[in-house]
Amino acid sequence: MGHGWTDMDRRSTCEPETAVLFERSGDTVQVTTIEKPVRFLLVSGKPLNEPVAWYGPIVMNTQEELQVAFEEFNNGTFIK
């Protein structure tokens, strides 16, 4: 049994801090462990099918939007 929610010393087929993308459709996910409990985050959603402009922690749709976002971030007006 783990020692608390901060116990990250667990063996796994997927290493710690690993993202797994499943592209098949389905309605169930099965997670099993052998010796220790597991903690994971399951995120589900439909694809947006939109362009992506990404730099660092900010994701927008175009390079122009990305430039405006960083200008607003630097000016302290990014979060509205």
PDB file of N, CA and C in Angstrom:
ATOM      1  N   MET A   1       0.843  -1.184   0.000  1.00  0.00           N
ATOM      2  CA  MET A   1       0.000   0.000   0.000  1.00  0.00           C
ATOM      3  C   MET A   1       0.882   1.239   0.000  1.00  0.00           C
ATOM      4  N   GLY A   2       0.452   2.291  -0.686  1.00  0.00           N
ATOM      5  CA  GLY A   2       1.218   3.528  -0.762  1.00  0.00           C
ATOM      6  C   GLY A   2       1.259   4.252   0.565  1.00  0.00           C
ATOM      7  N   HIS A   3       2.105   5.252   0.640  1.00  0.00           N
ATOM      8  CA  HIS A   3       2.281   6.002   1.880  1.00  0.00           C
ATOM      9  C   HIS A   3       1.524   7.319   1.866  1.00  0.00           C
ATOM     10  N   GLY A   4       0.677   7.540   0.919  1.00  0.00           N
ATOM     11  CA  GLY A   4      -0.063   8.792   0.823  1.00  0.00           C
ATOM     12  C   GLY A   4      -0.133   9.262  -0.617  1.00  0.00           C
ATOM     13  N   TRP A   5      -0.832  10.353  -0.835  1.00  0.00           N
ATOM     14  CA  TRP A   5      -1.029  10.821  -2.209  1.00  0.00           C
ATOM     15  C   TRP A   5       0.254  11.314  -2.850  1.00  0.00           C
ATOM     16  N   THR A   6       1.285  11.614  -2.071  1.00  0.00           N
ATOM     17  CA  THR A   6       2.557  12.051  -2.640  1.00  0.00           C
ATOM     18  C   THR A   6       3.495  10.891  -2.939  1.00  0.00           C
ATOM     19  N   ASP A   7       3.090   9.665  -2.657  1.00  0.00           N
ATOM     20  CA  ASP A   7       3.927   8.494  -2.891  1.00  0.00           C
ATOM     21  C   ASP A   7       3.966   8.205  -4.384  1.00  0.00           C
ATOM     22  N   MET A   8       5.044   8.590  -5.051  1.00  0.00           N
ATOM     23  CA  MET A   8       5.158   8.399  -6.494  1.00  0.00           C
ATOM     24  C   MET A   8       6.147   7.302  -6.858  1.00  0.00           C
ATOM     25  N   ASP A   9       6.639   6.546  -5.890  1.00  0.00           N
ATOM     26  CA  ASP A   9       7.597   5.486  -6.141  1.00  0.00           C
ATOM     27  C   ASP A   9       6.847   4.199  -6.441  1.00  0.00           C
ATOM     28  N   ARG A  10       6.315   4.095  -7.649  1.00  0.00           N
ATOM     29  CA  ARG A  10       5.518   2.929  -8.022  1.00  0.00           C
ATOM     30  C   ARG A  10       5.984   2.418  -9.385  1.00  0.00           C
ATOM     31  N   ARG A  11       6.098   1.122  -9.517  1.00  0.00           N
ATOM     32  CA  ARG A  11       6.463   0.532 -10.807  1.00  0.00           C
ATOM     33  C   ARG A  11       5.231   0.470 -11.691  1.00  0.00           C
ATOM     34  N   SER A  12       5.460   0.650 -12.978  1.00  0.00           N
ATOM     35  CA  SER A  12       4.330   0.688 -13.899  1.00  0.00           C
ATOM     36  C   SER A  12       4.802   0.346 -15.302  1.00  0.00           C
ATOM     37  N   THR A  13       3.883  -0.140 -16.121  1.00  0.00           N
ATOM     38  CA  THR A  13       4.192  -0.297 -17.536  1.00  0.00           C
ATOM     39  C   THR A  13       4.453   1.073 -18.140  1.00  0.00           C
ATOM     40  N   CYS A  14       3.708   2.049 -17.689  1.00  0.00           N
ATOM     41  CA  CYS A  14       3.930   3.439 -18.081  1.00  0.00           C
ATOM     42  C   CYS A  14       4.730   4.100 -16.970  1.00  0.00           C
ATOM     43  N   GLU A  15       5.821   4.704 -17.317  1.00  0.00           N
ATOM     44  CA  GLU A  15       6.659   5.368 -16.330  1.00  0.00           C
ATOM     45  C   GLU A  15       5.929   6.575 -15.757  1.00  0.00           C
ATOM     46  N   PRO A  16       6.333   7.045 -14.566  1.00  0.00           N
ATOM     47  CA  PRO A  16       5.744   8.264 -14.007  1.00  0.00           C
ATOM     48  C   PRO A  16       5.860   9.430 -14.982  1.00  0.00           C
ATOM     49  N   GLU A  17       4.907  10.334 -14.937  1.00  0.00           N
ATOM     50  CA  GLU A  17       4.850  11.525 -15.787  1.00  0.00           C
ATOM     51  C   GLU A  17       4.778  11.164 -17.262  1.00  0.00           C
ATOM     52  N   THR A  18       4.018  10.128 -17.587  1.00  0.00           N
ATOM     53  CA  THR A  18       3.854   9.677 -18.957  1.00  0.00           C
ATOM     54  C   THR A  18       2.432   9.956 -19.406  1.00  0.00           C
ATOM     55  N   ALA A  19       2.301  10.492 -20.598  1.00  0.00           N
ATOM     56  CA  ALA A  19       0.973  10.685 -21.185  1.00  0.00           C
ATOM     57  C   ALA A  19       0.719   9.564 -22.176  1.00  0.00           C
ATOM     58  N   VAL A  20      -0.469   9.015 -22.143  1.00  0.00           N
ATOM     59  CA  VAL A  20      -0.850   7.944 -23.064  1.00  0.00           C
ATOM     60  C   VAL A  20      -2.069   8.418 -23.837  1.00  0.00           C
ATOM     61  N   LEU A  21      -2.007   8.343 -25.139  1.00  0.00           N
ATOM     62  CA  LEU A  21      -3.103   8.773 -25.989  1.00  0.00           C
ATOM     63  C   LEU A  21      -3.744   7.546 -26.632  1.00  0.00           C
ATOM     64  N   PHE A  22      -5.018   7.347 -26.349  1.00  0.00           N
ATOM     65  CA  PHE A  22      -5.771   6.271 -26.974  1.00  0.00           C
ATOM     66  C   PHE A  22      -6.633   6.879 -28.063  1.00  0.00           C
ATOM     67  N   GLU A  23      -6.490   6.409 -29.277  1.00  0.00           N
ATOM     68  CA  GLU A  23      -7.237   6.974 -30.386  1.00  0.00           C
ATOM     69  C   GLU A  23      -8.448   6.137 -30.776  1.00  0.00           C
ATOM     70  N   ARG A  24      -8.619   4.995 -30.179  1.00  0.00           N
ATOM     71  CA  ARG A  24      -9.775   4.160 -30.494  1.00  0.00           C
ATOM     72  C   ARG A  24     -10.967   4.594 -29.672  1.00  0.00           C
ATOM     73  N   SER A  25     -12.134   4.432 -30.258  1.00  0.00           N
ATOM     74  CA  SER A  25     -13.329   4.762 -29.488  1.00  0.00           C
ATOM     75  C   SER A  25     -13.686   3.576 -28.598  1.00  0.00           C
ATOM     76  N   GLY A  26     -14.385   3.843 -27.550  1.00  0.00           N
ATOM     77  CA  GLY A  26     -14.791   2.805 -26.620  1.00  0.00           C
ATOM     78  C   GLY A  26     -15.497   3.439 -25.447  1.00  0.00           C
ATOM     79  N   ASP A  27     -16.004   2.596 -24.573  1.00  0.00           N
ATOM     80  CA  ASP A  27     -16.743   3.142 -23.442  1.00  0.00           C
ATOM     81  C   ASP A  27     -16.212   2.654 -22.102  1.00  0.00           C
ATOM     82  N   THR A  28     -15.063   1.973 -22.089  1.00  0.00           N
ATOM     83  CA  THR A  28     -14.489   1.525 -20.817  1.00  0.00           C
ATOM     84  C   THR A  28     -12.976   1.697 -20.827  1.00  0.00           C
ATOM     85  N   VAL A  29     -12.432   1.883 -19.644  1.00  0.00           N
ATOM     86  CA  VAL A  29     -10.987   1.900 -19.417  1.00  0.00           C
ATOM     87  C   VAL A  29     -10.738   0.993 -18.230  1.00  0.00           C
ATOM     88  N   GLN A  30      -9.800   0.070 -18.358  1.00  0.00           N
ATOM     89  CA  GLN A  30      -9.487  -0.835 -17.262  1.00  0.00           C
ATOM     90  C   GLN A  30      -8.059  -0.581 -16.815  1.00  0.00           C
ATOM     91  N   VAL A  31      -7.898  -0.343 -15.516  1.00  0.00           N
ATOM     92  CA  VAL A  31      -6.583  -0.111 -14.925  1.00  0.00           C
ATOM     93  C   VAL A  31      -6.380  -1.163 -13.849  1.00  0.00           C
ATOM     94  N   THR A  32      -5.256  -1.855 -13.917  1.00  0.00           N
ATOM     95  CA  THR A  32      -4.960  -2.874 -12.913  1.00  0.00           C
ATOM     96  C   THR A  32      -3.562  -2.649 -12.351  1.00  0.00           C
ATOM     97  N   THR A  33      -3.358  -3.119 -11.136  1.00  0.00           N
ATOM     98  CA  THR A  33      -2.042  -3.060 -10.509  1.00  0.00           C
ATOM     99  C   THR A  33      -1.730  -4.425  -9.916  1.00  0.00           C
ATOM    100  N   ILE A  34      -0.471  -4.674  -9.657  1.00  0.00           N
ATOM    101  CA  ILE A  34      -0.075  -5.955  -9.082  1.00  0.00           C
ATOM    102  C   ILE A  34       0.188  -5.816  -7.592  1.00  0.00           C
ATOM    103  N   GLU A  35       0.997  -4.836  -7.194  1.00  0.00           N
ATOM    104  CA  GLU A  35       1.391  -4.743  -5.793  1.00  0.00           C
ATOM    105  C   GLU A  35       0.914  -3.478  -5.096  1.00  0.00           C
ATOM    106  N   LYS A  36       0.890  -2.360  -5.785  1.00  0.00           N
ATOM    107  CA  LYS A  36       0.599  -1.082  -5.147  1.00  0.00           C
ATOM    108  C   LYS A  36      -0.563  -0.390  -5.851  1.00  0.00           C
ATOM    109  N   PRO A  37      -1.241   0.504  -5.147  1.00  0.00           N
ATOM    110  CA  PRO A  37      -2.315   1.263  -5.781  1.00  0.00           C
ATOM    111  C   PRO A  37      -1.753   2.210  -6.838  1.00  0.00           C
ATOM    112  N   VAL A  38      -2.600   2.710  -7.678  1.00  0.00           N
ATOM    113  CA  VAL A  38      -2.195   3.610  -8.757  1.00  0.00           C
ATOM    114  C   VAL A  38      -3.048   4.872  -8.706  1.00  0.00           C
ATOM    115  N   ARG A  39      -2.437   5.996  -9.072  1.00  0.00           N
ATOM    116  CA  ARG A  39      -3.160   7.257  -9.215  1.00  0.00           C
ATOM    117  C   ARG A  39      -2.973   7.704 -10.654  1.00  0.00           C
ATOM    118  N   PHE A  40      -4.063   8.116 -11.304  1.00  0.00           N
ATOM    119  CA  PHE A  40      -3.950   8.589 -12.672  1.00  0.00           C
ATOM    120  C   PHE A  40      -5.038   9.610 -12.944  1.00  0.00           C
ATOM    121  N   LEU A  41      -4.846  10.368 -13.993  1.00  0.00           N
ATOM    122  CA  LEU A  41      -5.806  11.359 -14.421  1.00  0.00           C
ATOM    123  C   LEU A  41      -6.313  10.941 -15.795  1.00  0.00           C
ATOM    124  N   LEU A  42      -7.613  10.795 -15.922  1.00  0.00           N
ATOM    125  CA  LEU A  42      -8.231  10.438 -17.200  1.00  0.00           C
ATOM    126  C   LEU A  42      -8.908  11.676 -17.759  1.00  0.00           C
ATOM    127  N   VAL A  43      -8.504  12.067 -18.950  1.00  0.00           N
ATOM    128  CA  VAL A  43      -9.075  13.233 -19.614  1.00  0.00           C
ATOM    129  C   VAL A  43      -9.694  12.759 -20.916  1.00  0.00           C
ATOM    130  N   SER A  44     -10.903  13.184 -21.169  1.00  0.00           N
ATOM    131  CA  SER A  44     -11.603  12.763 -22.379  1.00  0.00           C
ATOM    132  C   SER A  44     -12.255  13.967 -23.032  1.00  0.00           C
ATOM    133  N   GLY A  45     -12.295  13.969 -24.338  1.00  0.00           N
ATOM    134  CA  GLY A  45     -12.951  15.065 -25.044  1.00  0.00           C
ATOM    135  C   GLY A  45     -12.941  14.824 -26.540  1.00  0.00           C
ATOM    136  N   LYS A  46     -13.742  15.611 -27.225  1.00  0.00           N
ATOM    137  CA  LYS A  46     -13.802  15.524 -28.683  1.00  0.00           C
ATOM    138  C   LYS A  46     -12.713  16.410 -29.287  1.00  0.00           C
ATOM    139  N   PRO A  47     -12.111  15.990 -30.394  1.00  0.00           N
ATOM    140  CA  PRO A  47     -11.105  16.825 -31.054  1.00  0.00           C
ATOM    141  C   PRO A  47     -11.729  18.149 -31.504  1.00  0.00           C
ATOM    142  N   LEU A  48     -10.987  19.237 -31.350  1.00  0.00           N
ATOM    143  CA  LEU A  48     -11.483  20.545 -31.764  1.00  0.00           C
ATOM    144  C   LEU A  48     -11.328  20.779 -33.258  1.00  0.00           C
ATOM    145  N   ASN A  49     -10.382  20.072 -33.877  1.00  0.00           N
ATOM    146  CA  ASN A  49     -10.107  20.236 -35.310  1.00  0.00           C
ATOM    147  C   ASN A  49      -9.851  21.693 -35.657  1.00  0.00           C
ATOM    148  N   GLU A  50      -9.033  22.358 -34.843  1.00  0.00           N
ATOM    149  CA  GLU A  50      -8.647  23.743 -35.066  1.00  0.00           C
ATOM    150  C   GLU A  50      -7.135  23.832 -35.140  1.00  0.00           C
ATOM    151  N   PRO A  51      -6.621  24.863 -35.805  1.00  0.00           N
ATOM    152  CA  PRO A  51      -5.161  25.030 -35.835  1.00  0.00           C
ATOM    153  C   PRO A  51      -4.638  25.322 -34.442  1.00  0.00           C
ATOM    154  N   VAL A  52      -3.370  24.976 -34.223  1.00  0.00           N
ATOM    155  CA  VAL A  52      -2.755  25.172 -32.919  1.00  0.00           C
ATOM    156  C   VAL A  52      -1.449  25.935 -33.090  1.00  0.00           C
ATOM    157  N   ALA A  53      -1.324  27.031 -32.325  1.00  0.00           N
ATOM    158  CA  ALA A  53      -0.064  27.775 -32.232  1.00  0.00           C
ATOM    159  C   ALA A  53       0.348  27.687 -30.774  1.00  0.00           C
ATOM    160  N   TRP A  54       1.520  27.129 -30.512  1.00  0.00           N
ATOM    161  CA  TRP A  54       1.929  26.848 -29.143  1.00  0.00           C
ATOM    162  C   TRP A  54       3.339  27.346 -28.897  1.00  0.00           C
ATOM    163  N   TYR A  55       3.526  28.004 -27.752  1.00  0.00           N
ATOM    164  CA  TYR A  55       4.862  28.386 -27.317  1.00  0.00           C
ATOM    165  C   TYR A  55       4.840  28.441 -25.803  1.00  0.00           C
ATOM    166  N   GLY A  56       5.657  27.606 -25.170  1.00  0.00           N
ATOM    167  CA  GLY A  56       5.697  27.570 -23.711  1.00  0.00           C
ATOM    168  C   GLY A  56       4.355  27.169 -23.141  1.00  0.00           C
ATOM    169  N   PRO A  57       3.878  27.923 -22.147  1.00  0.00           N
ATOM    170  CA  PRO A  57       2.634  27.536 -21.496  1.00  0.00           C
ATOM    171  C   PRO A  57       1.374  28.051 -22.200  1.00  0.00           C
ATOM    172  N   ILE A  58       1.544  28.813 -23.277  1.00  0.00           N
ATOM    173  CA  ILE A  58       0.382  29.439 -23.919  1.00  0.00           C
ATOM    174  C   ILE A  58       0.081  28.733 -25.234  1.00  0.00           C
ATOM    175  N   VAL A  59      -1.192  28.421 -25.443  1.00  0.00           N
ATOM    176  CA  VAL A  59      -1.656  27.778 -26.668  1.00  0.00           C
ATOM    177  C   VAL A  59      -2.779  28.617 -27.251  1.00  0.00           C
ATOM    178  N   MET A  60      -2.637  28.985 -28.503  1.00  0.00           N
ATOM    179  CA  MET A  60      -3.653  29.767 -29.203  1.00  0.00           C
ATOM    180  C   MET A  60      -3.919  29.099 -30.553  1.00  0.00           C
ATOM    181  N   ASN A  61      -4.710  29.750 -31.399  1.00  0.00           N
ATOM    182  CA  ASN A  61      -5.010  29.193 -32.718  1.00  0.00           C
ATOM    183  C   ASN A  61      -4.071  29.695 -33.816  1.00  0.00           C
ATOM    184  N   THR A  62      -3.538  30.912 -33.674  1.00  0.00           N
ATOM    185  CA  THR A  62      -2.660  31.468 -34.709  1.00  0.00           C
ATOM    186  C   THR A  62      -1.425  32.084 -34.052  1.00  0.00           C
ATOM    187  N   GLN A  63      -0.392  32.307 -34.852  1.00  0.00           N
ATOM    188  CA  GLN A  63       0.812  32.973 -34.370  1.00  0.00           C
ATOM    189  C   GLN A  63       0.493  34.407 -33.937  1.00  0.00           C
ATOM    190  N   GLU A  64      -0.435  35.056 -34.651  1.00  0.00           N
ATOM    191  CA  GLU A  64      -0.823  36.415 -34.297  1.00  0.00           C
ATOM    192  C   GLU A  64      -1.483  36.450 -32.913  1.00  0.00           C
ATOM    193  N   GLU A  65      -2.378  35.500 -32.642  1.00  0.00           N
ATOM    194  CA  GLU A  65      -3.018  35.417 -31.329  1.00  0.00           C
ATOM    195  C   GLU A  65      -1.985  35.121 -30.248  1.00  0.00           C
ATOM    196  N   LEU A  66      -1.018  34.294 -30.581  1.00  0.00           N
ATOM    197  CA  LEU A  66       0.045  33.959 -29.637  1.00  0.00           C
ATOM    198  C   LEU A  66       0.874  35.200 -29.296  1.00  0.00           C
ATOM    199  N   GLN A  67       1.187  36.008 -30.303  1.00  0.00           N
ATOM    200  CA  GLN A  67       1.953  37.227 -30.079  1.00  0.00           C
ATOM    201  C   GLN A  67       1.175  38.195 -29.183  1.00  0.00           C
ATOM    202  N   VAL A  68      -0.116  38.365 -29.431  1.00  0.00           N
ATOM    203  CA  VAL A  68      -0.955  39.237 -28.600  1.00  0.00           C
ATOM    204  C   VAL A  68      -1.008  38.704 -27.171  1.00  0.00           C
ATOM    205  N   ALA A  69      -1.134  37.395 -27.025  1.00  0.00           N
ATOM    206  CA  ALA A  69      -1.205  36.794 -25.692  1.00  0.00           C
ATOM    207  C   ALA A  69       0.065  37.075 -24.894  1.00  0.00           C
ATOM    208  N   PHE A  70       1.241  36.973 -25.526  1.00  0.00           N
ATOM    209  CA  PHE A  70       2.485  37.246 -24.814  1.00  0.00           C
ATOM    210  C   PHE A  70       2.639  38.735 -24.510  1.00  0.00           C
ATOM    211  N   GLU A  71       2.155  39.602 -25.417  1.00  0.00           N
ATOM    212  CA  GLU A  71       2.175  41.034 -25.120  1.00  0.00           C
ATOM    213  C   GLU A  71       1.295  41.324 -23.905  1.00  0.00           C
ATOM    214  N   GLU A  72       0.099  40.731 -23.868  1.00  0.00           N
ATOM    215  CA  GLU A  72      -0.796  40.916 -22.724  1.00  0.00           C
ATOM    216  C   GLU A  72      -0.181  40.328 -21.452  1.00  0.00           C
ATOM    217  N   PHE A  73       0.470  39.187 -21.573  1.00  0.00           N
ATOM    218  CA  PHE A  73       1.130  38.578 -20.416  1.00  0.00           C
ATOM    219  C   PHE A  73       2.208  39.505 -19.855  1.00  0.00           C
ATOM    220  N   ASN A  74       3.015  40.056 -20.739  1.00  0.00           N
ATOM    221  CA  ASN A  74       4.087  40.961 -20.314  1.00  0.00           C
ATOM    222  C   ASN A  74       3.552  42.262 -19.727  1.00  0.00           C
ATOM    223  N   ASN A  75       2.369  42.689 -20.193  1.00  0.00           N
ATOM    224  CA  ASN A  75       1.745  43.922 -19.687  1.00  0.00           C
ATOM    225  C   ASN A  75       0.917  43.703 -18.435  1.00  0.00           C
ATOM    226  N   GLY A  76       0.737  42.429 -18.055  1.00  0.00           N
ATOM    227  CA  GLY A  76      -0.081  42.134 -16.873  1.00  0.00           C
ATOM    228  C   GLY A  76      -1.579  42.125 -17.143  1.00  0.00           C
ATOM    229  N   THR A  77      -1.973  42.056 -18.418  1.00  0.00           N
ATOM    230  CA  THR A  77      -3.399  42.084 -18.770  1.00  0.00           C
ATOM    231  C   THR A  77      -3.857  40.773 -19.407  1.00  0.00           C
ATOM    232  N   PHE A  78      -3.051  39.736 -19.301  1.00  0.00           N
ATOM    233  CA  PHE A  78      -3.376  38.459 -19.953  1.00  0.00           C
ATOM    234  C   PHE A  78      -4.621  37.810 -19.386  1.00  0.00           C
ATOM    235  N   ILE A  79      -4.732  37.794 -18.057  1.00  0.00           N
ATOM    236  CA  ILE A  79      -5.905  37.192 -17.422  1.00  0.00           C
ATOM    237  C   ILE A  79      -6.960  38.268 -17.276  1.00  0.00           C
ATOM    238  N   LYS A  80      -8.114  38.018 -17.890  1.00  0.00           N
ATOM    239  CA  LYS A  80      -9.177  39.035 -17.907  1.00  0.00           C
ATOM    240  C   LYS A  80     -10.334  38.622 -17.045  1.00  0.00           C
TER     241      LYS A  80
END
